[in-house]
Amino acid sequence: HRTVHGGEEFASSVLITPEVIDAMKRLSPLSPLHNPANITGIEICQELMPGKPNVGVFDTAFHQTMPDYAYMYALPYDQYTKHGIRKYGFHGTSHYFVSNEARAMLEKKHNTRIIVCHLGNGSSVSAVFDGKCIDTSMGLTPV
């Protein structure tokens, strides 16, 4: 299940558990147009296919490799520690795929510097070094 906002809690894909759904619900205020619908889809799949594993893939996960100077805002530090206000980045599944395809086309795995533009209903740009996001244009929410 593609899920838009995984906050700092999900840096990779995970098997969906009740705890994962609870975390997704806690993150829903940061992605009110997306996460609730994602949760509904997961719950329907669980109902229609009981006992079958479901996996959550988070758009924000790809951007978890950004250094702190890229994801921190020029705000008092307690805004980050108390409220999680930081840059999360979005469209991560797209940025991951496109940057890896570019590296493959270039036949270059090391010392790659790639700028990825995701253009759709929402748009974002990311800077990727050796397959890891080092900065992105989208911030706290996908809105």
N, C-alpha and C. Protein backbone atom coordinates (compact mmCIF):
# COMPACT_ATOMS: atom_id res chain seq x y z
N HIS A 1 0.84 -1.17 0.00
CA HIS A 1 0.00 0.00 0.00
C HIS A 1 0.89 1.24 0.00
N ARG A 2 0.77 2.04 -1.03
CA ARG A 2 1.49 3.31 -1.04
C ARG A 2 0.82 4.23 -0.03
N THR A 3 1.62 4.74 0.87
CA THR A 3 1.14 5.65 1.90
C THR A 3 1.96 6.93 1.81
N VAL A 4 1.29 8.06 1.86
CA VAL A 4 1.97 9.33 1.63
C VAL A 4 2.88 9.74 2.78
N HIS A 5 2.37 9.76 4.01
CA HIS A 5 3.17 10.32 5.11
C HIS A 5 3.51 9.26 6.15
N GLY A 6 4.79 8.97 6.28
CA GLY A 6 5.26 8.03 7.30
C GLY A 6 6.07 8.71 8.38
N GLY A 7 6.15 10.05 8.31
CA GLY A 7 6.90 10.79 9.33
C GLY A 7 8.32 10.26 9.47
N GLU A 8 8.86 10.37 10.67
CA GLU A 8 10.18 9.81 10.96
C GLU A 8 10.07 8.35 11.40
N GLU A 9 8.84 7.88 11.56
CA GLU A 9 8.62 6.54 12.09
C GLU A 9 8.93 5.44 11.09
N PHE A 10 8.82 5.74 9.79
CA PHE A 10 9.00 4.70 8.78
C PHE A 10 10.04 5.13 7.76
N ALA A 11 11.21 4.53 7.85
CA ALA A 11 12.31 4.82 6.92
C ALA A 11 12.42 3.75 5.85
N SER A 12 11.50 2.79 5.87
CA SER A 12 11.48 1.73 4.86
C SER A 12 10.07 1.14 4.83
N SER A 13 9.85 0.23 3.91
CA SER A 13 8.57 -0.46 3.83
C SER A 13 8.43 -1.37 5.04
N VAL A 14 7.19 -1.56 5.50
CA VAL A 14 6.94 -2.38 6.69
C VAL A 14 5.71 -3.25 6.49
N LEU A 15 5.69 -4.36 7.21
CA LEU A 15 4.51 -5.20 7.27
C LEU A 15 3.47 -4.45 8.11
N ILE A 16 2.25 -4.35 7.60
CA ILE A 16 1.21 -3.61 8.30
C ILE A 16 0.76 -4.40 9.53
N THR A 17 0.80 -3.73 10.67
CA THR A 17 0.33 -4.28 11.94
C THR A 17 -0.63 -3.26 12.54
N PRO A 18 -1.34 -3.61 13.60
CA PRO A 18 -2.18 -2.61 14.26
C PRO A 18 -1.38 -1.39 14.72
N GLU A 19 -0.13 -1.60 15.15
CA GLU A 19 0.72 -0.49 15.59
C GLU A 19 1.06 0.44 14.43
N VAL A 20 1.27 -0.13 13.24
CA VAL A 20 1.56 0.69 12.06
C VAL A 20 0.34 1.53 11.71
N ILE A 21 -0.83 0.93 11.74
CA ILE A 21 -2.06 1.68 11.45
C ILE A 21 -2.25 2.80 12.48
N ASP A 22 -1.99 2.52 13.75
CA ASP A 22 -2.09 3.57 14.78
C ASP A 22 -1.13 4.72 14.48
N ALA A 23 0.10 4.40 14.07
CA ALA A 23 1.08 5.45 13.73
C ALA A 23 0.60 6.25 12.52
N MET A 24 0.05 5.56 11.53
CA MET A 24 -0.47 6.26 10.35
C MET A 24 -1.61 7.20 10.74
N LYS A 25 -2.44 6.77 11.67
CA LYS A 25 -3.54 7.64 12.14
C LYS A 25 -2.99 8.87 12.86
N ARG A 26 -1.93 8.67 13.66
CA ARG A 26 -1.32 9.81 14.36
C ARG A 26 -0.73 10.81 13.36
N LEU A 27 -0.25 10.31 12.22
CA LEU A 27 0.35 11.17 11.21
C LEU A 27 -0.68 11.80 10.27
N SER A 28 -1.93 11.38 10.36
CA SER A 28 -2.96 11.87 9.44
C SER A 28 -3.15 13.38 9.44
N PRO A 29 -2.98 14.09 10.57
CA PRO A 29 -3.10 15.55 10.50
C PRO A 29 -2.06 16.20 9.56
N LEU A 30 -0.94 15.52 9.33
CA LEU A 30 0.07 16.05 8.41
C LEU A 30 -0.24 15.70 6.95
N SER A 31 -1.16 14.79 6.73
CA SER A 31 -1.54 14.39 5.38
C SER A 31 -3.03 14.04 5.35
N PRO A 32 -3.88 15.02 5.63
CA PRO A 32 -5.31 14.73 5.79
C PRO A 32 -6.02 14.29 4.51
N LEU A 33 -5.48 14.63 3.36
CA LEU A 33 -6.11 14.22 2.10
C LEU A 33 -5.68 12.82 1.68
N HIS A 34 -4.61 12.30 2.28
CA HIS A 34 -4.04 11.04 1.81
C HIS A 34 -4.08 9.91 2.83
N ASN A 35 -3.50 10.12 4.00
CA ASN A 35 -3.37 9.02 4.96
C ASN A 35 -4.71 8.38 5.34
N PRO A 36 -5.77 9.15 5.63
CA PRO A 36 -7.03 8.49 5.98
C PRO A 36 -7.53 7.55 4.87
N ALA A 37 -7.41 7.98 3.62
CA ALA A 37 -7.82 7.12 2.50
C ALA A 37 -6.92 5.89 2.40
N ASN A 38 -5.61 6.09 2.63
CA ASN A 38 -4.68 4.95 2.62
C ASN A 38 -5.05 3.94 3.69
N ILE A 39 -5.39 4.43 4.87
CA ILE A 39 -5.78 3.55 5.99
C ILE A 39 -7.05 2.79 5.64
N THR A 40 -8.02 3.48 5.04
CA THR A 40 -9.26 2.82 4.64
C THR A 40 -8.98 1.69 3.66
N GLY A 41 -8.11 1.93 2.69
CA GLY A 41 -7.75 0.89 1.73
C GLY A 41 -7.12 -0.32 2.40
N ILE A 42 -6.24 -0.07 3.35
CA ILE A 42 -5.60 -1.16 4.10
C ILE A 42 -6.64 -1.96 4.87
N GLU A 43 -7.52 -1.25 5.56
CA GLU A 43 -8.54 -1.93 6.37
C GLU A 43 -9.49 -2.76 5.51
N ILE A 44 -9.84 -2.26 4.33
CA ILE A 44 -10.70 -3.02 3.42
C ILE A 44 -9.98 -4.27 2.93
N CYS A 45 -8.71 -4.14 2.56
CA CYS A 45 -7.93 -5.31 2.14
C CYS A 45 -7.84 -6.34 3.25
N GLN A 46 -7.62 -5.89 4.47
CA GLN A 46 -7.55 -6.81 5.61
C GLN A 46 -8.88 -7.52 5.82
N GLU A 47 -9.97 -6.80 5.59
CA GLU A 47 -11.30 -7.39 5.76
C GLU A 47 -11.60 -8.41 4.65
N LEU A 48 -11.25 -8.06 3.40
CA LEU A 48 -11.53 -8.93 2.27
C LEU A 48 -10.58 -10.12 2.17
N MET A 49 -9.37 -9.95 2.69
CA MET A 49 -8.36 -11.01 2.62
C MET A 49 -7.75 -11.24 3.99
N PRO A 50 -8.55 -11.75 4.93
CA PRO A 50 -8.03 -11.91 6.29
C PRO A 50 -6.83 -12.86 6.33
N GLY A 51 -5.87 -12.49 7.16
CA GLY A 51 -4.68 -13.32 7.32
C GLY A 51 -3.62 -13.13 6.27
N LYS A 52 -3.91 -12.38 5.23
CA LYS A 52 -2.91 -12.13 4.18
C LYS A 52 -2.06 -10.93 4.59
N PRO A 53 -0.76 -10.99 4.34
CA PRO A 53 0.10 -9.86 4.72
C PRO A 53 -0.15 -8.64 3.85
N ASN A 54 -0.06 -7.48 4.45
CA ASN A 54 -0.15 -6.19 3.76
C ASN A 54 1.12 -5.42 4.08
N VAL A 55 1.66 -4.75 3.09
CA VAL A 55 2.91 -4.01 3.26
C VAL A 55 2.64 -2.53 3.00
N GLY A 56 3.18 -1.68 3.87
CA GLY A 56 3.09 -0.24 3.70
C GLY A 56 4.38 0.30 3.10
N VAL A 57 4.24 1.08 2.04
CA VAL A 57 5.37 1.73 1.37
C VAL A 57 5.15 3.24 1.52
N PHE A 58 6.06 3.91 2.18
CA PHE A 58 5.86 5.31 2.57
C PHE A 58 6.64 6.26 1.66
N ASP A 59 5.93 7.24 1.09
CA ASP A 59 6.57 8.23 0.22
C ASP A 59 7.65 9.03 0.94
N THR A 60 7.50 9.22 2.22
CA THR A 60 8.49 10.00 2.98
C THR A 60 9.75 9.20 3.28
N ALA A 61 9.71 7.88 3.17
CA ALA A 61 10.84 7.03 3.58
C ALA A 61 12.11 7.35 2.78
N PHE A 62 11.98 7.55 1.48
CA PHE A 62 13.15 7.81 0.64
C PHE A 62 13.92 9.04 1.11
N HIS A 63 13.22 10.00 1.65
CA HIS A 63 13.84 11.27 2.04
C HIS A 63 14.46 11.23 3.43
N GLN A 64 14.37 10.11 4.13
CA GLN A 64 14.93 10.01 5.48
C GLN A 64 16.45 10.05 5.50
N THR A 65 17.07 9.98 4.33
CA THR A 65 18.54 10.07 4.27
C THR A 65 19.04 11.51 4.21
N MET A 66 18.13 12.47 4.16
CA MET A 66 18.57 13.87 4.12
C MET A 66 19.35 14.22 5.38
N PRO A 67 20.43 14.96 5.25
CA PRO A 67 21.15 15.42 6.44
C PRO A 67 20.31 16.45 7.20
N ASP A 68 20.60 16.59 8.49
CA ASP A 68 19.78 17.49 9.31
C ASP A 68 19.78 18.93 8.80
N TYR A 69 20.87 19.39 8.21
CA TYR A 69 20.88 20.76 7.72
C TYR A 69 19.93 20.94 6.53
N ALA A 70 19.53 19.85 5.88
CA ALA A 70 18.57 19.94 4.78
C ALA A 70 17.13 19.83 5.27
N TYR A 71 16.88 19.03 6.31
CA TYR A 71 15.49 18.85 6.74
C TYR A 71 15.06 19.75 7.89
N MET A 72 15.98 20.41 8.56
CA MET A 72 15.61 21.30 9.67
C MET A 72 15.21 22.68 9.12
N TYR A 73 14.21 23.27 9.75
CA TYR A 73 13.80 24.63 9.42
C TYR A 73 14.49 25.61 10.38
N ALA A 74 14.55 26.86 9.97
CA ALA A 74 15.15 27.91 10.80
C ALA A 74 14.13 28.35 11.85
N LEU A 75 13.81 27.43 12.74
CA LEU A 75 12.86 27.65 13.83
C LEU A 75 13.53 27.22 15.13
N PRO A 76 12.99 27.61 16.27
CA PRO A 76 13.53 27.10 17.53
C PRO A 76 13.54 25.56 17.51
N TYR A 77 14.61 24.98 18.01
CA TYR A 77 14.82 23.53 17.95
C TYR A 77 13.68 22.75 18.60
N ASP A 78 13.06 23.32 19.63
CA ASP A 78 11.97 22.59 20.29
C ASP A 78 10.75 22.42 19.38
N GLN A 79 10.64 23.20 18.33
CA GLN A 79 9.55 22.99 17.37
C GLN A 79 9.73 21.65 16.64
N TYR A 80 10.98 21.27 16.48
CA TYR A 80 11.28 19.95 15.90
C TYR A 80 11.11 18.85 16.95
N THR A 81 11.72 19.01 18.10
CA THR A 81 11.70 17.94 19.11
C THR A 81 10.32 17.72 19.70
N LYS A 82 9.55 18.77 19.90
CA LYS A 82 8.22 18.63 20.51
C LYS A 82 7.12 18.35 19.50
N HIS A 83 7.24 18.93 18.30
CA HIS A 83 6.14 18.87 17.35
C HIS A 83 6.49 18.20 16.02
N GLY A 84 7.74 17.80 15.85
CA GLY A 84 8.13 17.13 14.61
C GLY A 84 8.13 18.01 13.38
N ILE A 85 8.26 19.32 13.59
CA ILE A 85 8.25 20.24 12.45
C ILE A 85 9.61 20.19 11.77
N ARG A 86 9.59 19.66 10.56
CA ARG A 86 10.79 19.48 9.75
C ARG A 86 10.36 19.21 8.31
N LYS A 87 11.29 19.16 7.42
CA LYS A 87 11.01 18.80 6.04
C LYS A 87 10.99 17.27 5.95
N TYR A 88 9.91 16.71 5.40
CA TYR A 88 9.80 15.26 5.24
C TYR A 88 10.00 14.81 3.80
N GLY A 89 9.55 15.61 2.85
CA GLY A 89 9.65 15.22 1.45
C GLY A 89 8.53 14.27 1.06
N PHE A 90 8.15 14.33 -0.21
CA PHE A 90 7.06 13.49 -0.70
C PHE A 90 7.39 12.98 -2.10
N HIS A 91 6.53 12.16 -2.64
CA HIS A 91 6.73 11.50 -3.93
C HIS A 91 7.98 10.62 -3.91
N GLY A 92 8.33 10.12 -2.74
CA GLY A 92 9.57 9.36 -2.58
C GLY A 92 9.67 8.10 -3.41
N THR A 93 8.54 7.40 -3.61
CA THR A 93 8.62 6.19 -4.44
C THR A 93 9.00 6.56 -5.87
N SER A 94 8.49 7.67 -6.36
CA SER A 94 8.84 8.15 -7.69
C SER A 94 10.30 8.59 -7.76
N HIS A 95 10.73 9.39 -6.78
CA HIS A 95 12.12 9.87 -6.77
C HIS A 95 13.10 8.69 -6.68
N TYR A 96 12.77 7.70 -5.87
CA TYR A 96 13.61 6.51 -5.73
C TYR A 96 13.74 5.78 -7.06
N PHE A 97 12.59 5.51 -7.69
CA PHE A 97 12.59 4.76 -8.94
C PHE A 97 13.35 5.51 -10.04
N VAL A 98 13.02 6.78 -10.23
CA VAL A 98 13.63 7.55 -11.32
C VAL A 98 15.13 7.71 -11.10
N SER A 99 15.55 7.98 -9.88
CA SER A 99 17.00 8.16 -9.64
C SER A 99 17.75 6.85 -9.87
N ASN A 100 17.16 5.72 -9.50
CA ASN A 100 17.83 4.44 -9.75
C ASN A 100 17.84 4.07 -11.22
N GLU A 101 16.77 4.41 -11.94
CA GLU A 101 16.75 4.18 -13.38
C GLU A 101 17.81 5.03 -14.07
N ALA A 102 17.96 6.28 -13.65
CA ALA A 102 18.98 7.16 -14.24
C ALA A 102 20.37 6.60 -13.99
N ARG A 103 20.62 6.13 -12.79
CA ARG A 103 21.93 5.54 -12.47
C ARG A 103 22.19 4.32 -13.34
N ALA A 104 21.17 3.51 -13.57
CA ALA A 104 21.33 2.32 -14.42
C ALA A 104 21.59 2.73 -15.86
N MET A 105 20.86 3.73 -16.35
CA MET A 105 21.06 4.19 -17.73
C MET A 105 22.46 4.78 -17.92
N LEU A 106 22.94 5.45 -16.89
CA LEU A 106 24.29 6.04 -16.95
C LEU A 106 25.38 4.99 -16.73
N GLU A 107 24.95 3.78 -16.31
CA GLU A 107 25.88 2.70 -15.97
C GLU A 107 26.91 3.19 -14.97
N LYS A 108 26.41 3.90 -13.97
CA LYS A 108 27.28 4.49 -12.96
C LYS A 108 26.62 4.33 -11.60
N LYS A 109 27.30 3.66 -10.69
CA LYS A 109 26.73 3.43 -9.36
C LYS A 109 27.30 4.36 -8.31
N HIS A 110 28.49 4.90 -8.54
CA HIS A 110 29.14 5.71 -7.52
C HIS A 110 29.36 7.13 -8.02
N ASN A 111 29.36 8.05 -7.07
CA ASN A 111 29.58 9.46 -7.35
C ASN A 111 28.56 10.02 -8.34
N THR A 112 27.31 9.56 -8.19
CA THR A 112 26.24 10.06 -9.06
C THR A 112 25.51 11.22 -8.40
N ARG A 113 25.29 12.23 -9.17
CA ARG A 113 24.55 13.41 -8.72
C ARG A 113 23.38 13.59 -9.67
N ILE A 114 22.17 13.37 -9.15
CA ILE A 114 20.99 13.38 -10.00
C ILE A 114 19.94 14.31 -9.41
N ILE A 115 19.32 15.09 -10.27
CA ILE A 115 18.17 15.92 -9.89
C ILE A 115 16.94 15.24 -10.49
N VAL A 116 15.96 14.93 -9.64
CA VAL A 116 14.74 14.27 -10.09
C VAL A 116 13.58 15.26 -9.96
N CYS A 117 12.80 15.38 -11.03
CA CYS A 117 11.60 16.21 -11.00
C CYS A 117 10.38 15.29 -11.11
N HIS A 118 9.53 15.34 -10.12
CA HIS A 118 8.26 14.59 -10.15
C HIS A 118 7.19 15.60 -10.53
N LEU A 119 6.55 15.37 -11.67
CA LEU A 119 5.53 16.29 -12.17
C LEU A 119 4.21 15.55 -12.30
N GLY A 120 3.21 16.02 -11.60
CA GLY A 120 1.89 15.39 -11.63
C GLY A 120 0.89 16.34 -11.02
N ASN A 121 -0.13 15.81 -10.34
CA ASN A 121 -1.07 16.68 -9.63
C ASN A 121 -0.34 17.49 -8.58
N GLY A 122 0.70 16.91 -8.00
CA GLY A 122 1.63 17.60 -7.13
C GLY A 122 3.01 17.44 -7.74
N SER A 123 3.87 18.39 -7.52
CA SER A 123 5.21 18.33 -8.11
C SER A 123 6.26 18.54 -7.05
N SER A 124 7.41 17.90 -7.23
CA SER A 124 8.52 18.09 -6.31
C SER A 124 9.83 17.79 -7.03
N VAL A 125 10.90 18.28 -6.45
CA VAL A 125 12.24 18.09 -6.98
C VAL A 125 13.09 17.53 -5.85
N SER A 126 13.99 16.62 -6.19
CA SER A 126 14.92 16.12 -5.17
C SER A 126 16.33 16.06 -5.73
N ALA A 127 17.28 16.25 -4.84
CA ALA A 127 18.70 16.08 -5.16
C ALA A 127 19.12 14.74 -4.58
N VAL A 128 19.70 13.90 -5.44
CA VAL A 128 20.05 12.54 -5.04
C VAL A 128 21.53 12.31 -5.31
N PHE A 129 22.24 11.89 -4.28
CA PHE A 129 23.67 11.58 -4.42
C PHE A 129 23.87 10.10 -4.10
N ASP A 130 24.40 9.37 -5.06
CA ASP A 130 24.64 7.93 -4.90
C ASP A 130 23.40 7.18 -4.41
N GLY A 131 22.24 7.54 -4.95
CA GLY A 131 21.01 6.84 -4.63
C GLY A 131 20.32 7.28 -3.36
N LYS A 132 20.88 8.26 -2.65
CA LYS A 132 20.29 8.73 -1.40
C LYS A 132 19.85 10.19 -1.55
N CYS A 133 18.67 10.48 -1.04
CA CYS A 133 18.16 11.85 -1.10
C CYS A 133 18.98 12.74 -0.17
N ILE A 134 19.44 13.87 -0.71
CA ILE A 134 20.16 14.83 0.13
C ILE A 134 19.38 16.13 0.31
N ASP A 135 18.34 16.33 -0.51
CA ASP A 135 17.45 17.48 -0.32
C ASP A 135 16.23 17.29 -1.21
N THR A 136 15.17 17.97 -0.86
CA THR A 136 13.94 17.91 -1.64
C THR A 136 13.17 19.21 -1.46
N SER A 137 12.29 19.49 -2.40
CA SER A 137 11.57 20.76 -2.38
C SER A 137 10.32 20.75 -1.50
N MET A 138 9.76 19.58 -1.21
CA MET A 138 8.54 19.54 -0.40
C MET A 138 8.88 19.42 1.07
N GLY A 139 8.02 20.00 1.91
CA GLY A 139 8.37 20.14 3.32
C GLY A 139 7.59 19.28 4.30
N LEU A 140 6.91 19.95 5.22
CA LEU A 140 6.22 19.31 6.34
C LEU A 140 5.02 18.48 5.89
N THR A 141 4.27 19.00 4.93
CA THR A 141 3.06 18.31 4.46
C THR A 141 3.07 18.23 2.94
N PRO A 142 2.24 17.36 2.36
CA PRO A 142 2.17 17.28 0.90
C PRO A 142 1.26 18.34 0.29
N VAL A 143 0.68 19.20 1.11
CA VAL A 143 -0.27 20.20 0.60
C VAL A 143 0.48 21.47 0.27
